[in-house]
């Protein structure tokens, strides 16, 4: 792939803010984040540290690119940080929090 094709490809898939995503896309991304966070907490019996949170966001970002949902990783990270307390509350309600 030439440099020009890469540039053209980037122009065809502009990054969007969270609120600009379609509702189905928002559901897909939020579900992936929630599932990975809860899976991490249950497997490791603790909350993730800063680097582990970044890894969760990065892995979701890679999946969004595969699904052709064009959102920057910093938007995913902002959304993820805003939802951490609700994820923790849902884990506590299920009685699975260590």
PDB file of N, CA and C in Angstrom:
ATOM      1  N   UNK A   1       0.839  -1.168   0.000  1.00  0.00           N
ATOM      2  CA  UNK A   1       0.000   0.000   0.000  1.00  0.00           C
ATOM      3  C   UNK A   1       0.889   1.237   0.000  1.00  0.00           C
ATOM      4  N   UNK A   2       0.645   2.131  -0.921  1.00  0.00           N
ATOM      5  CA  UNK A   2       1.467   3.324  -1.024  1.00  0.00           C
ATOM      6  C   UNK A   2       1.074   4.342   0.048  1.00  0.00           C
ATOM      7  N   UNK A   3       1.930   5.332   0.196  1.00  0.00           N
ATOM      8  CA  UNK A   3       1.688   6.358   1.197  1.00  0.00           C
ATOM      9  C   UNK A   3       0.403   7.125   0.877  1.00  0.00           C
ATOM     10  N   UNK A   4       0.197   7.405  -0.403  1.00  0.00           N
ATOM     11  CA  UNK A   4      -0.992   8.144  -0.815  1.00  0.00           C
ATOM     12  C   UNK A   4      -2.267   7.355  -0.503  1.00  0.00           C
ATOM     13  N   UNK A   5      -2.251   6.042  -0.712  1.00  0.00           N
ATOM     14  CA  UNK A   5      -3.419   5.226  -0.408  1.00  0.00           C
ATOM     15  C   UNK A   5      -3.721   5.244   1.086  1.00  0.00           C
ATOM     16  N   UNK A   6      -2.689   5.247   1.921  1.00  0.00           N
ATOM     17  CA  UNK A   6      -2.895   5.309   3.364  1.00  0.00           C
ATOM     18  C   UNK A   6      -3.526   6.640   3.751  1.00  0.00           C
ATOM     19  N   UNK A   7      -3.064   7.718   3.137  1.00  0.00           N
ATOM     20  CA  UNK A   7      -3.627   9.031   3.429  1.00  0.00           C
ATOM     21  C   UNK A   7      -5.088   9.073   2.997  1.00  0.00           C
ATOM     22  N   UNK A   8      -5.386   8.576   1.791  1.00  0.00           N
ATOM     23  CA  UNK A   8      -6.756   8.555   1.299  1.00  0.00           C
ATOM     24  C   UNK A   8      -7.642   7.709   2.205  1.00  0.00           C
ATOM     25  N   UNK A   9      -7.101   6.595   2.679  1.00  0.00           N
ATOM     26  CA  UNK A   9      -7.860   5.714   3.555  1.00  0.00           C
ATOM     27  C   UNK A   9      -8.217   6.427   4.852  1.00  0.00           C
ATOM     28  N   UNK A  10      -7.270   7.198   5.410  1.00  0.00           N
ATOM     29  CA  UNK A  10      -7.543   7.933   6.643  1.00  0.00           C
ATOM     30  C   UNK A  10      -8.606   8.989   6.421  1.00  0.00           C
ATOM     31  N   UNK A  11      -8.608   9.618   5.252  1.00  0.00           N
ATOM     32  CA  UNK A  11      -9.604  10.638   4.968  1.00  0.00           C
ATOM     33  C   UNK A  11     -11.004  10.033   4.844  1.00  0.00           C
ATOM     34  N   UNK A  12     -11.084   8.797   4.410  1.00  0.00           N
ATOM     35  CA  UNK A  12     -12.372   8.140   4.241  1.00  0.00           C
ATOM     36  C   UNK A  12     -12.988   7.703   5.564  1.00  0.00           C
ATOM     37  N   UNK A  13     -12.192   7.608   6.600  1.00  0.00           N
ATOM     38  CA  UNK A  13     -12.710   7.160   7.892  1.00  0.00           C
ATOM     39  C   UNK A  13     -12.368   8.169   8.989  1.00  0.00           C
ATOM     40  N   UNK A  14     -13.092   9.260   9.013  1.00  0.00           N
ATOM     41  CA  UNK A  14     -12.800  10.290  10.014  1.00  0.00           C
ATOM     42  C   UNK A  14     -13.138   9.815  11.423  1.00  0.00           C
ATOM     43  N   UNK A  15     -12.329  10.248  12.364  1.00  0.00           N
ATOM     44  CA  UNK A  15     -12.609   9.911  13.757  1.00  0.00           C
ATOM     45  C   UNK A  15     -13.768  10.749  14.259  1.00  0.00           C
ATOM     46  N   UNK A  16     -14.562  10.144  15.105  1.00  0.00           N
ATOM     47  CA  UNK A  16     -15.739  10.814  15.639  1.00  0.00           C
ATOM     48  C   UNK A  16     -15.613  10.927  17.148  1.00  0.00           C
ATOM     49  N   UNK A  17     -16.376  11.838  17.700  1.00  0.00           N
ATOM     50  CA  UNK A  17     -16.492  11.913  19.148  1.00  0.00           C
ATOM     51  C   UNK A  17     -17.545  10.887  19.574  1.00  0.00           C
ATOM     52  N   UNK A  18     -17.574  10.592  20.876  1.00  0.00           N
ATOM     53  CA  UNK A  18     -18.495   9.580  21.380  1.00  0.00           C
ATOM     54  C   UNK A  18     -19.938   9.897  20.991  1.00  0.00           C
ATOM     55  N   UNK A  19     -20.338  11.159  21.143  1.00  0.00           N
ATOM     56  CA  UNK A  19     -21.734  11.528  20.872  1.00  0.00           C
ATOM     57  C   UNK A  19     -22.082  11.454  19.383  1.00  0.00           C
ATOM     58  N   UNK A  20     -21.079  11.406  18.509  1.00  0.00           N
ATOM     59  CA  UNK A  20     -21.324  11.324  17.071  1.00  0.00           C
ATOM     60  C   UNK A  20     -21.482   9.889  16.576  1.00  0.00           C
ATOM     61  N   UNK A  21     -21.197   8.924  17.442  1.00  0.00           N
ATOM     62  CA  UNK A  21     -21.368   7.524  17.055  1.00  0.00           C
ATOM     63  C   UNK A  21     -22.850   7.190  16.971  1.00  0.00           C
ATOM     64  N   UNK A  22     -23.153   6.236  16.136  1.00  0.00           N
ATOM     65  CA  UNK A  22     -24.524   5.742  16.056  1.00  0.00           C
ATOM     66  C   UNK A  22     -24.837   4.997  17.358  1.00  0.00           C
ATOM     67  N   UNK A  23     -26.093   4.958  17.759  1.00  0.00           N
ATOM     68  CA  UNK A  23     -26.424   4.261  19.017  1.00  0.00           C
ATOM     69  C   UNK A  23     -25.951   2.804  19.049  1.00  0.00           C
ATOM     70  N   UNK A  24     -26.049   2.092  17.941  1.00  0.00           N
ATOM     71  CA  UNK A  24     -25.582   0.701  17.903  1.00  0.00           C
ATOM     72  C   UNK A  24     -24.073   0.631  18.122  1.00  0.00           C
ATOM     73  N   UNK A  25     -23.329   1.588  17.549  1.00  0.00           N
ATOM     74  CA  UNK A  25     -21.874   1.613  17.724  1.00  0.00           C
ATOM     75  C   UNK A  25     -21.530   1.908  19.185  1.00  0.00           C
ATOM     76  N   UNK A  26     -22.269   2.826  19.807  1.00  0.00           N
ATOM     77  CA  UNK A  26     -22.030   3.138  21.214  1.00  0.00           C
ATOM     78  C   UNK A  26     -22.263   1.900  22.085  1.00  0.00           C
ATOM     79  N   UNK A  27     -23.301   1.158  21.771  1.00  0.00           N
ATOM     80  CA  UNK A  27     -23.615  -0.050  22.542  1.00  0.00           C
ATOM     81  C   UNK A  27     -22.506  -1.088  22.389  1.00  0.00           C
ATOM     82  N   UNK A  28     -22.011  -1.256  21.162  1.00  0.00           N
ATOM     83  CA  UNK A  28     -20.947  -2.235  20.909  1.00  0.00           C
ATOM     84  C   UNK A  28     -19.701  -1.882  21.717  1.00  0.00           C
ATOM     85  N   UNK A  29     -19.271  -0.619  21.646  1.00  0.00           N
ATOM     86  CA  UNK A  29     -18.049  -0.194  22.340  1.00  0.00           C
ATOM     87  C   UNK A  29     -18.239  -0.273  23.847  1.00  0.00           C
ATOM     88  N   UNK A  30     -19.362   0.224  24.354  1.00  0.00           N
ATOM     89  CA  UNK A  30     -19.578   0.214  25.807  1.00  0.00           C
ATOM     90  C   UNK A  30     -19.670  -1.213  26.346  1.00  0.00           C
ATOM     91  N   UNK A  31     -20.266  -2.106  25.578  1.00  0.00           N
ATOM     92  CA  UNK A  31     -20.368  -3.505  26.001  1.00  0.00           C
ATOM     93  C   UNK A  31     -18.989  -4.159  26.052  1.00  0.00           C
ATOM     94  N   UNK A  32     -18.165  -3.886  25.051  1.00  0.00           N
ATOM     95  CA  UNK A  32     -16.808  -4.450  25.052  1.00  0.00           C
ATOM     96  C   UNK A  32     -16.025  -3.959  26.260  1.00  0.00           C
ATOM     97  N   UNK A  33     -16.109  -2.659  26.562  1.00  0.00           N
ATOM     98  CA  UNK A  33     -15.383  -2.106  27.712  1.00  0.00           C
ATOM     99  C   UNK A  33     -15.868  -2.738  29.014  1.00  0.00           C
ATOM    100  N   UNK A  34     -17.171  -2.786  29.185  1.00  0.00           N
ATOM    101  CA  UNK A  34     -17.740  -3.332  30.416  1.00  0.00           C
ATOM    102  C   UNK A  34     -17.364  -4.797  30.597  1.00  0.00           C
ATOM    103  N   UNK A  35     -17.500  -5.582  29.542  1.00  0.00           N
ATOM    104  CA  UNK A  35     -17.178  -7.009  29.630  1.00  0.00           C
ATOM    105  C   UNK A  35     -15.708  -7.235  29.967  1.00  0.00           C
ATOM    106  N   UNK A  36     -14.830  -6.488  29.333  1.00  0.00           N
ATOM    107  CA  UNK A  36     -13.385  -6.688  29.594  1.00  0.00           C
ATOM    108  C   UNK A  36     -13.015  -6.255  31.004  1.00  0.00           C
ATOM    109  N   UNK A  37     -13.613  -5.169  31.464  1.00  0.00           N
ATOM    110  CA  UNK A  37     -13.319  -4.707  32.822  1.00  0.00           C
ATOM    111  C   UNK A  37     -13.789  -5.737  33.843  1.00  0.00           C
ATOM    112  N   UNK A  38     -15.027  -6.176  33.711  1.00  0.00           N
ATOM    113  CA  UNK A  38     -15.580  -7.151  34.664  1.00  0.00           C
ATOM    114  C   UNK A  38     -14.800  -8.463  34.605  1.00  0.00           C
ATOM    115  N   UNK A  39     -14.437  -8.893  33.413  1.00  0.00           N
ATOM    116  CA  UNK A  39     -13.645 -10.123  33.272  1.00  0.00           C
ATOM    117  C   UNK A  39     -12.308  -9.982  33.993  1.00  0.00           C
ATOM    118  N   UNK A  40     -11.662  -8.810  33.843  1.00  0.00           N
ATOM    119  CA  UNK A  40     -10.380  -8.590  34.507  1.00  0.00           C
ATOM    120  C   UNK A  40     -10.546  -8.669  36.020  1.00  0.00           C
ATOM    121  N   UNK A  41     -11.554  -7.984  36.546  1.00  0.00           N
ATOM    122  CA  UNK A  41     -11.765  -7.961  37.995  1.00  0.00           C
ATOM    123  C   UNK A  41     -12.047  -9.360  38.532  1.00  0.00           C
ATOM    124  N   UNK A  42     -12.857 -10.120  37.821  1.00  0.00           N
ATOM    125  CA  UNK A  42     -13.193 -11.463  38.292  1.00  0.00           C
ATOM    126  C   UNK A  42     -12.010 -12.422  38.210  1.00  0.00           C
ATOM    127  N   UNK A  43     -11.210 -12.306  37.154  1.00  0.00           N
ATOM    128  CA  UNK A  43     -10.060 -13.208  37.007  1.00  0.00           C
ATOM    129  C   UNK A  43      -8.945 -12.890  37.992  1.00  0.00           C
ATOM    130  N   UNK A  44      -8.708 -11.592  38.226  1.00  0.00           N
ATOM    131  CA  UNK A  44      -7.578 -11.186  39.062  1.00  0.00           C
ATOM    132  C   UNK A  44      -7.967 -10.839  40.493  1.00  0.00           C
ATOM    133  N   UNK A  45      -9.281 -10.803  40.768  1.00  0.00           N
ATOM    134  CA  UNK A  45      -9.798 -10.502  42.101  1.00  0.00           C
ATOM    135  C   UNK A  45      -9.299  -9.167  42.642  1.00  0.00           C
ATOM    136  N   UNK A  46      -9.164  -8.200  41.731  1.00  0.00           N
ATOM    137  CA  UNK A  46      -8.766  -6.837  42.100  1.00  0.00           C
ATOM    138  C   UNK A  46      -9.091  -5.918  40.929  1.00  0.00           C
ATOM    139  N   UNK A  47      -9.078  -4.625  41.221  1.00  0.00           N
ATOM    140  CA  UNK A  47      -9.303  -3.640  40.162  1.00  0.00           C
ATOM    141  C   UNK A  47      -8.001  -3.442  39.380  1.00  0.00           C
ATOM    142  N   UNK A  48      -8.090  -3.102  38.107  1.00  0.00           N
ATOM    143  CA  UNK A  48      -6.869  -2.898  37.325  1.00  0.00           C
ATOM    144  C   UNK A  48      -6.147  -1.607  37.698  1.00  0.00           C
ATOM    145  N   UNK A  49      -4.821  -1.628  37.570  1.00  0.00           N
ATOM    146  CA  UNK A  49      -4.051  -0.405  37.782  1.00  0.00           C
ATOM    147  C   UNK A  49      -4.080   0.431  36.497  1.00  0.00           C
ATOM    148  N   UNK A  50      -3.367   1.535  36.498  1.00  0.00           N
ATOM    149  CA  UNK A  50      -3.411   2.475  35.366  1.00  0.00           C
ATOM    150  C   UNK A  50      -2.984   1.815  34.049  1.00  0.00           C
ATOM    151  N   UNK A  51      -1.900   1.066  34.080  1.00  0.00           N
ATOM    152  CA  UNK A  51      -1.410   0.414  32.858  1.00  0.00           C
ATOM    153  C   UNK A  51      -2.381  -0.657  32.362  1.00  0.00           C
ATOM    154  N   UNK A  52      -2.982  -1.361  33.279  1.00  0.00           N
ATOM    155  CA  UNK A  52      -3.940  -2.400  32.898  1.00  0.00           C
ATOM    156  C   UNK A  52      -5.214  -1.783  32.316  1.00  0.00           C
ATOM    157  N   UNK A  53      -5.602  -0.624  32.832  1.00  0.00           N
ATOM    158  CA  UNK A  53      -6.743   0.090  32.254  1.00  0.00           C
ATOM    159  C   UNK A  53      -6.419   0.527  30.825  1.00  0.00           C
ATOM    160  N   UNK A  54      -5.201   1.016  30.623  1.00  0.00           N
ATOM    161  CA  UNK A  54      -4.784   1.425  29.275  1.00  0.00           C
ATOM    162  C   UNK A  54      -4.794   0.230  28.330  1.00  0.00           C
ATOM    163  N   UNK A  55      -4.413  -0.938  28.817  1.00  0.00           N
ATOM    164  CA  UNK A  55      -4.431  -2.141  27.992  1.00  0.00           C
ATOM    165  C   UNK A  55      -5.861  -2.512  27.605  1.00  0.00           C
ATOM    166  N   UNK A  56      -6.784  -2.398  28.537  1.00  0.00           N
ATOM    167  CA  UNK A  56      -8.196  -2.678  28.242  1.00  0.00           C
ATOM    168  C   UNK A  56      -8.693  -1.740  27.156  1.00  0.00           C
ATOM    169  N   UNK A  57      -8.394  -0.454  27.294  1.00  0.00           N
ATOM    170  CA  UNK A  57      -8.817   0.540  26.295  1.00  0.00           C
ATOM    171  C   UNK A  57      -8.172   0.244  24.948  1.00  0.00           C
ATOM    172  N   UNK A  58      -6.884  -0.094  24.951  1.00  0.00           N
ATOM    173  CA  UNK A  58      -6.183  -0.372  23.692  1.00  0.00           C
ATOM    174  C   UNK A  58      -6.761  -1.595  22.989  1.00  0.00           C
ATOM    175  N   UNK A  59      -7.082  -2.614  23.743  1.00  0.00           N
ATOM    176  CA  UNK A  59      -7.640  -3.817  23.112  1.00  0.00           C
ATOM    177  C   UNK A  59      -9.036  -3.541  22.540  1.00  0.00           C
ATOM    178  N   UNK A  60      -9.822  -2.734  23.227  1.00  0.00           N
ATOM    179  CA  UNK A  60     -11.135  -2.360  22.701  1.00  0.00           C
ATOM    180  C   UNK A  60     -10.962  -1.490  21.458  1.00  0.00           C
ATOM    181  N   UNK A  61      -9.988  -0.594  21.491  1.00  0.00           N
ATOM    182  CA  UNK A  61      -9.727   0.262  20.329  1.00  0.00           C
ATOM    183  C   UNK A  61      -9.378  -0.583  19.098  1.00  0.00           C
ATOM    184  N   UNK A  62      -8.562  -1.602  19.284  1.00  0.00           N
ATOM    185  CA  UNK A  62      -8.202  -2.480  18.161  1.00  0.00           C
ATOM    186  C   UNK A  62      -9.443  -3.187  17.613  1.00  0.00           C
ATOM    187  N   UNK A  63     -10.315  -3.618  18.500  1.00  0.00           N
ATOM    188  CA  UNK A  63     -11.549  -4.273  18.061  1.00  0.00           C
ATOM    189  C   UNK A  63     -12.475  -3.305  17.332  1.00  0.00           C
ATOM    190  N   UNK A  64     -12.503  -2.046  17.774  1.00  0.00           N
ATOM    191  CA  UNK A  64     -13.356  -1.072  17.085  1.00  0.00           C
ATOM    192  C   UNK A  64     -12.852  -0.814  15.674  1.00  0.00           C
ATOM    193  N   UNK A  65     -11.542  -0.814  15.498  1.00  0.00           N
ATOM    194  CA  UNK A  65     -10.995  -0.640  14.151  1.00  0.00           C
ATOM    195  C   UNK A  65     -11.388  -1.814  13.258  1.00  0.00           C
ATOM    196  N   UNK A  66     -11.339  -3.019  13.801  1.00  0.00           N
ATOM    197  CA  UNK A  66     -11.741  -4.197  13.027  1.00  0.00           C
ATOM    198  C   UNK A  66     -13.213  -4.138  12.646  1.00  0.00           C
ATOM    199  N   UNK A  67     -14.029  -3.582  13.536  1.00  0.00           N
ATOM    200  CA  UNK A  67     -15.465  -3.474  13.265  1.00  0.00           C
ATOM    201  C   UNK A  67     -15.797  -2.198  12.484  1.00  0.00           C
ATOM    202  N   UNK A  68     -14.760  -1.447  12.115  1.00  0.00           N
ATOM    203  CA  UNK A  68     -14.889  -0.203  11.357  1.00  0.00           C
ATOM    204  C   UNK A  68     -15.738   0.834  12.088  1.00  0.00           C
ATOM    205  N   UNK A  69     -15.492   0.954  13.386  1.00  0.00           N
ATOM    206  CA  UNK A  69     -16.076   2.023  14.184  1.00  0.00           C
ATOM    207  C   UNK A  69     -14.939   3.012  14.412  1.00  0.00           C
ATOM    208  N   UNK A  70     -15.034   4.168  13.811  1.00  0.00           N
ATOM    209  CA  UNK A  70     -13.914   5.109  13.825  1.00  0.00           C
ATOM    210  C   UNK A  70     -14.061   6.100  14.967  1.00  0.00           C
ATOM    211  N   UNK A  71     -13.415   5.772  16.060  1.00  0.00           N
ATOM    212  CA  UNK A  71     -13.402   6.634  17.238  1.00  0.00           C
ATOM    213  C   UNK A  71     -11.986   6.615  17.805  1.00  0.00           C
ATOM    214  N   UNK A  72     -11.436   7.773  18.155  1.00  0.00           N
ATOM    215  CA  UNK A  72     -10.072   7.793  18.693  1.00  0.00           C
ATOM    216  C   UNK A  72      -9.981   7.119  20.064  1.00  0.00           C
ATOM    217  N   UNK A  73      -8.795   6.630  20.365  1.00  0.00           N
ATOM    218  CA  UNK A  73      -8.614   5.920  21.635  1.00  0.00           C
ATOM    219  C   UNK A  73      -8.819   6.829  22.841  1.00  0.00           C
ATOM    220  N   UNK A  74      -8.529   8.136  22.696  1.00  0.00           N
ATOM    221  CA  UNK A  74      -8.736   9.024  23.844  1.00  0.00           C
ATOM    222  C   UNK A  74     -10.228   9.202  24.151  1.00  0.00           C
ATOM    223  N   UNK A  75     -11.085   9.103  23.149  1.00  0.00           N
ATOM    224  CA  UNK A  75     -12.530   9.162  23.383  1.00  0.00           C
ATOM    225  C   UNK A  75     -12.995   7.905  24.115  1.00  0.00           C
ATOM    226  N   UNK A  76     -12.448   6.767  23.725  1.00  0.00           N
ATOM    227  CA  UNK A  76     -12.789   5.513  24.412  1.00  0.00           C
ATOM    228  C   UNK A  76     -12.317   5.577  25.859  1.00  0.00           C
ATOM    229  N   UNK A  77     -11.121   6.109  26.052  1.00  0.00           N
ATOM    230  CA  UNK A  77     -10.551   6.209  27.388  1.00  0.00           C
ATOM    231  C   UNK A  77     -11.392   7.128  28.283  1.00  0.00           C
ATOM    232  N   UNK A  78     -11.816   8.265  27.751  1.00  0.00           N
ATOM    233  CA  UNK A  78     -12.654   9.188  28.524  1.00  0.00           C
ATOM    234  C   UNK A  78     -13.963   8.518  28.941  1.00  0.00           C
ATOM    235  N   UNK A  79     -14.581   7.833  28.004  1.00  0.00           N
ATOM    236  CA  UNK A  79     -15.837   7.148  28.306  1.00  0.00           C
ATOM    237  C   UNK A  79     -15.610   6.069  29.360  1.00  0.00           C
ATOM    238  N   UNK A  80     -14.543   5.298  29.198  1.00  0.00           N
ATOM    239  CA  UNK A  80     -14.214   4.215  30.122  1.00  0.00           C
ATOM    240  C   UNK A  80     -14.024   4.751  31.541  1.00  0.00           C
ATOM    241  N   UNK A  81     -13.256   5.820  31.681  1.00  0.00           N
ATOM    242  CA  UNK A  81     -13.010   6.406  33.002  1.00  0.00           C
ATOM    243  C   UNK A  81     -14.306   6.912  33.627  1.00  0.00           C
ATOM    244  N   UNK A  82     -15.200   7.434  32.805  1.00  0.00           N
ATOM    245  CA  UNK A  82     -16.460   7.951  33.339  1.00  0.00           C
ATOM    246  C   UNK A  82     -17.385   6.831  33.818  1.00  0.00           C
ATOM    247  N   UNK A  83     -17.216   5.628  33.320  1.00  0.00           N
ATOM    248  CA  UNK A  83     -18.099   4.515  33.650  1.00  0.00           C
ATOM    249  C   UNK A  83     -17.545   3.563  34.707  1.00  0.00           C
ATOM    250  N   UNK A  84     -16.316   3.767  35.148  1.00  0.00           N
ATOM    251  CA  UNK A  84     -15.700   2.833  36.098  1.00  0.00           C
ATOM    252  C   UNK A  84     -16.520   2.646  37.374  1.00  0.00           C
ATOM    253  N   UNK A  85     -17.059   3.729  37.915  1.00  0.00           N
ATOM    254  CA  UNK A  85     -17.832   3.586  39.159  1.00  0.00           C
ATOM    255  C   UNK A  85     -19.091   2.753  38.939  1.00  0.00           C
ATOM    256  N   UNK A  86     -19.741   2.938  37.792  1.00  0.00           N
ATOM    257  CA  UNK A  86     -20.946   2.134  37.540  1.00  0.00           C
ATOM    258  C   UNK A  86     -20.592   0.667  37.311  1.00  0.00           C
ATOM    259  N   UNK A  87     -19.431   0.399  36.702  1.00  0.00           N
ATOM    260  CA  UNK A  87     -18.985  -0.990  36.533  1.00  0.00           C
ATOM    261  C   UNK A  87     -18.743  -1.624  37.903  1.00  0.00           C
ATOM    262  N   UNK A  88     -18.077  -0.862  38.789  1.00  0.00           N
ATOM    263  CA  UNK A  88     -17.799  -1.380  40.131  1.00  0.00           C
ATOM    264  C   UNK A  88     -19.091  -1.643  40.901  1.00  0.00           C
ATOM    265  N   UNK A  89     -20.069  -0.740  40.765  1.00  0.00           N
ATOM    266  CA  UNK A  89     -21.351  -0.929  41.452  1.00  0.00           C
ATOM    267  C   UNK A  89     -22.069  -2.169  40.945  1.00  0.00           C
ATOM    268  N   UNK A  90     -22.000  -2.410  39.637  1.00  0.00           N
ATOM    269  CA  UNK A  90     -22.689  -3.585  39.101  1.00  0.00           C
ATOM    270  C   UNK A  90     -22.008  -4.874  39.573  1.00  0.00           C
ATOM    271  N   UNK A  91     -20.699  -4.853  39.714  1.00  0.00           N
ATOM    272  CA  UNK A  91     -19.979  -6.014  40.244  1.00  0.00           C
ATOM    273  C   UNK A  91     -20.365  -6.246  41.696  1.00  0.00           C
ATOM    274  N   UNK A  92     -20.458  -5.152  42.480  1.00  0.00           N
ATOM    275  CA  UNK A  92     -20.835  -5.277  43.890  1.00  0.00           C
ATOM    276  C   UNK A  92     -22.251  -5.819  44.036  1.00  0.00           C
ATOM    277  N   UNK A  93     -23.168  -5.367  43.173  1.00  0.00           N
ATOM    278  CA  UNK A  93     -24.555  -5.846  43.243  1.00  0.00           C
ATOM    279  C   UNK A  93     -24.635  -7.334  43.006  1.00  0.00           C
ATOM    280  N   UNK A  94     -23.772  -7.826  42.125  1.00  0.00           N
ATOM    281  CA  UNK A  94     -23.759  -9.265  41.829  1.00  0.00           C
ATOM    282  C   UNK A  94     -23.057 -10.060  42.928  1.00  0.00           C
ATOM    283  N   UNK A  95     -22.409  -9.337  43.848  1.00  0.00           N
ATOM    284  CA  UNK A  95     -21.736 -10.005  44.956  1.00  0.00           C
ATOM    285  C   UNK A  95     -20.443 -10.680  44.551  1.00  0.00           C
ATOM    286  N   UNK A  96     -19.819 -10.182  43.492  1.00  0.00           N
ATOM    287  CA  UNK A  96     -18.591 -10.793  42.995  1.00  0.00           C
ATOM    288  C   UNK A  96     -17.349  -9.997  43.317  1.00  0.00           C
ATOM    289  N   UNK A  97     -17.498  -8.858  43.964  1.00  0.00           N
ATOM    290  CA  UNK A  97     -16.347  -8.012  44.260  1.00  0.00           C
ATOM    291  C   UNK A  97     -15.553  -8.627  45.412  1.00  0.00           C
ATOM    292  N   UNK A  98     -14.233  -8.700  45.233  1.00  0.00           N
ATOM    293  CA  UNK A  98     -13.388  -9.285  46.305  1.00  0.00           C
ATOM    294  C   UNK A  98     -13.351  -8.426  47.549  1.00  0.00           C
TER     295      UNK A  98
END
